[in-house]
N, C-alpha and C. Protein backbone atom coordinates (compact mmCIF):
# COMPACT_ATOMS: atom_id res chain seq x y z
N MET A 1 -190.21 293.61 100.64
CA MET A 1 -189.87 292.82 101.81
C MET A 1 -189.56 291.37 101.43
N GLU A 2 -190.25 290.86 100.48
CA GLU A 2 -190.04 289.47 100.07
C GLU A 2 -188.62 289.24 99.56
N GLN A 3 -188.09 290.21 98.84
CA GLN A 3 -186.73 290.08 98.30
C GLN A 3 -185.71 290.06 99.44
N ASP A 4 -185.91 290.87 100.47
CA ASP A 4 -185.00 290.87 101.62
C ASP A 4 -185.01 289.51 102.32
N GLU A 5 -186.17 288.90 102.43
CA GLU A 5 -186.28 287.58 103.06
C GLU A 5 -185.55 286.53 102.24
N ARG A 6 -185.66 286.65 100.92
CA ARG A 6 -184.97 285.70 100.05
C ARG A 6 -183.45 285.85 100.18
N PHE A 7 -182.98 287.10 100.22
CA PHE A 7 -181.55 287.33 100.40
C PHE A 7 -181.07 286.79 101.74
N THR A 8 -181.86 287.00 102.78
CA THR A 8 -181.50 286.50 104.10
C THR A 8 -181.44 284.98 104.09
N ALA A 9 -182.42 284.35 103.44
CA ALA A 9 -182.43 282.89 103.35
C ALA A 9 -181.21 282.39 102.59
N LEU A 10 -180.87 283.06 101.50
CA LEU A 10 -179.69 282.66 100.73
C LEU A 10 -178.40 282.86 101.52
N GLU A 11 -178.30 283.95 102.23
CA GLU A 11 -177.12 284.19 103.06
C GLU A 11 -176.99 283.13 104.14
N THR A 12 -178.11 282.73 104.72
CA THR A 12 -178.11 281.69 105.75
C THR A 12 -177.63 280.36 105.16
N LYS A 13 -178.16 280.02 103.99
CA LYS A 13 -177.75 278.77 103.33
C LYS A 13 -176.26 278.80 102.99
N ILE A 14 -175.79 279.94 102.51
CA ILE A 14 -174.37 280.05 102.17
C ILE A 14 -173.51 279.88 103.41
N SER A 15 -173.94 280.46 104.51
CA SER A 15 -173.19 280.31 105.76
C SER A 15 -173.09 278.85 106.18
N TYR A 16 -174.22 278.14 106.09
CA TYR A 16 -174.20 276.71 106.43
C TYR A 16 -173.30 275.93 105.48
N LEU A 17 -173.36 276.26 104.19
CA LEU A 17 -172.52 275.56 103.22
C LEU A 17 -171.03 275.84 103.47
N GLU A 18 -170.69 277.07 103.80
CA GLU A 18 -169.30 277.39 104.11
C GLU A 18 -168.82 276.61 105.33
N ASP A 19 -169.68 276.50 106.33
CA ASP A 19 -169.32 275.73 107.52
C ASP A 19 -169.12 274.26 107.17
N THR A 20 -170.00 273.73 106.33
CA THR A 20 -169.88 272.34 105.91
C THR A 20 -168.58 272.11 105.14
N VAL A 21 -168.24 273.04 104.27
CA VAL A 21 -166.99 272.92 103.50
C VAL A 21 -165.79 272.93 104.44
N ARG A 22 -165.80 273.81 105.44
CA ARG A 22 -164.68 273.85 106.40
C ARG A 22 -164.58 272.54 107.18
N THR A 23 -165.74 272.01 107.58
CA THR A 23 -165.75 270.75 108.32
C THR A 23 -165.22 269.61 107.46
N LEU A 24 -165.70 269.52 106.23
CA LEU A 24 -165.24 268.46 105.33
C LEU A 24 -163.76 268.61 104.99
N ASP A 25 -163.30 269.84 104.85
CA ASP A 25 -161.88 270.07 104.59
C ASP A 25 -161.03 269.54 105.74
N ALA A 26 -161.46 269.80 106.96
CA ALA A 26 -160.71 269.31 108.12
C ALA A 26 -160.69 267.78 108.14
N ILE A 27 -161.81 267.17 107.79
CA ILE A 27 -161.88 265.71 107.77
C ILE A 27 -160.94 265.15 106.69
N VAL A 28 -160.97 265.74 105.51
CA VAL A 28 -160.11 265.28 104.42
C VAL A 28 -158.64 265.44 104.78
N ARG A 29 -158.29 266.56 105.40
CA ARG A 29 -156.90 266.76 105.81
C ARG A 29 -156.48 265.70 106.83
N GLY A 30 -157.37 265.39 107.76
CA GLY A 30 -157.07 264.34 108.74
C GLY A 30 -156.87 263.00 108.08
N HIS A 31 -157.73 262.68 107.11
CA HIS A 31 -157.59 261.41 106.40
C HIS A 31 -156.29 261.37 105.60
N HIS A 32 -155.93 262.49 105.03
CA HIS A 32 -154.67 262.55 104.27
C HIS A 32 -153.49 262.28 105.19
N ASP A 33 -153.49 262.90 106.35
CA ASP A 33 -152.40 262.68 107.31
C ASP A 33 -152.33 261.21 107.74
N GLU A 34 -153.50 260.63 108.01
CA GLU A 34 -153.54 259.21 108.40
C GLU A 34 -153.03 258.32 107.27
N LEU A 35 -153.42 258.65 106.05
CA LEU A 35 -152.99 257.87 104.89
C LEU A 35 -151.48 257.91 104.73
N GLU A 36 -150.88 259.07 104.93
CA GLU A 36 -149.43 259.18 104.82
C GLU A 36 -148.74 258.32 105.88
N ILE A 37 -149.28 258.32 107.09
CA ILE A 37 -148.71 257.49 108.16
C ILE A 37 -148.83 256.02 107.79
N LEU A 38 -150.00 255.62 107.29
CA LEU A 38 -150.21 254.22 106.92
C LEU A 38 -149.30 253.80 105.77
N LYS A 39 -149.07 254.69 104.81
CA LYS A 39 -148.16 254.37 103.71
C LYS A 39 -146.75 254.09 104.24
N LYS A 40 -146.31 254.91 105.19
CA LYS A 40 -144.98 254.70 105.77
C LYS A 40 -144.92 253.37 106.52
N GLU A 41 -145.99 253.05 107.24
CA GLU A 41 -146.01 251.78 107.98
C GLU A 41 -146.00 250.59 107.03
N VAL A 42 -146.76 250.68 105.95
CA VAL A 42 -146.80 249.58 104.97
C VAL A 42 -145.42 249.41 104.34
N LYS A 43 -144.76 250.51 104.01
CA LYS A 43 -143.43 250.43 103.42
C LYS A 43 -142.45 249.78 104.40
N PHE A 44 -142.52 250.18 105.66
CA PHE A 44 -141.65 249.61 106.69
C PHE A 44 -141.91 248.11 106.85
N LEU A 45 -143.19 247.73 106.97
CA LEU A 45 -143.53 246.33 107.16
C LEU A 45 -143.20 245.49 105.93
N SER A 46 -143.35 246.07 104.76
CA SER A 46 -142.98 245.37 103.53
C SER A 46 -141.49 245.05 103.52
N GLY A 47 -140.70 246.01 103.98
CA GLY A 47 -139.26 245.78 104.08
C GLY A 47 -138.93 244.68 105.08
N LYS A 48 -139.64 244.68 106.20
CA LYS A 48 -139.42 243.63 107.21
C LYS A 48 -139.77 242.26 106.65
N VAL A 49 -140.89 242.17 105.93
CA VAL A 49 -141.30 240.89 105.35
C VAL A 49 -140.25 240.43 104.34
N SER A 50 -139.76 241.35 103.52
CA SER A 50 -138.72 240.99 102.55
C SER A 50 -137.47 240.47 103.25
N ASP A 51 -137.09 241.17 104.33
CA ASP A 51 -135.92 240.72 105.09
C ASP A 51 -136.13 239.32 105.65
N LEU A 52 -137.30 239.07 106.21
CA LEU A 52 -137.59 237.75 106.77
C LEU A 52 -137.62 236.68 105.70
N MET A 53 -138.15 237.02 104.53
CA MET A 53 -138.19 236.04 103.44
C MET A 53 -136.78 235.70 102.97
N GLU A 54 -135.89 236.69 102.95
CA GLU A 54 -134.50 236.43 102.56
C GLU A 54 -133.83 235.53 103.58
N ILE A 55 -134.05 235.81 104.85
CA ILE A 55 -133.46 234.98 105.90
C ILE A 55 -134.02 233.57 105.83
N GLU A 56 -135.32 233.45 105.67
CA GLU A 56 -135.99 232.15 105.59
C GLU A 56 -135.50 231.38 104.36
N GLY A 57 -135.38 232.07 103.25
CA GLY A 57 -134.95 231.41 102.01
C GLY A 57 -133.53 230.93 102.06
N SER A 58 -132.66 231.64 102.73
CA SER A 58 -131.25 231.25 102.76
C SER A 58 -130.98 230.12 103.74
N SER A 59 -131.86 229.93 104.71
CA SER A 59 -131.62 228.88 105.70
C SER A 59 -132.39 227.60 105.39
N ARG A 60 -133.25 227.64 104.39
CA ARG A 60 -134.07 226.48 104.07
C ARG A 60 -133.67 225.90 102.72
N PRO A 61 -133.42 224.62 102.64
CA PRO A 61 -133.09 224.03 101.34
C PRO A 61 -134.33 224.03 100.43
N GLU A 62 -134.06 224.07 99.14
CA GLU A 62 -135.16 224.04 98.18
C GLU A 62 -135.79 222.66 98.17
N ARG A 63 -137.06 222.59 98.46
CA ARG A 63 -137.77 221.32 98.43
C ARG A 63 -139.05 221.50 97.62
N LYS A 64 -139.49 220.40 97.02
CA LYS A 64 -140.76 220.44 96.32
C LYS A 64 -141.88 220.42 97.36
N PRO A 65 -142.97 221.08 97.06
CA PRO A 65 -144.11 221.04 97.99
C PRO A 65 -144.61 219.61 98.15
N PRO A 66 -145.29 219.30 99.24
CA PRO A 66 -145.72 217.93 99.53
C PRO A 66 -146.65 217.33 98.47
N HIS A 67 -147.31 218.12 97.69
CA HIS A 67 -148.26 217.56 96.71
C HIS A 67 -147.58 217.02 95.45
N TYR A 68 -146.27 217.12 95.33
CA TYR A 68 -145.57 216.58 94.16
C TYR A 68 -145.17 215.15 94.38
């Protein structure tokens, strides 16, 4: 009887571990999707900043900073 109880306990633990793995997998997949979205946003915003810097640089004469 003791061996059956041990097997039952192990099966229960395995079931909980499988559920935990499924839960963590879903979380990791969600984070991956969010990360991909954020990468696209950073790339887009980086392009916008570059565009603004080009516009700003072409309309402003080169001057030394005030501390010179």
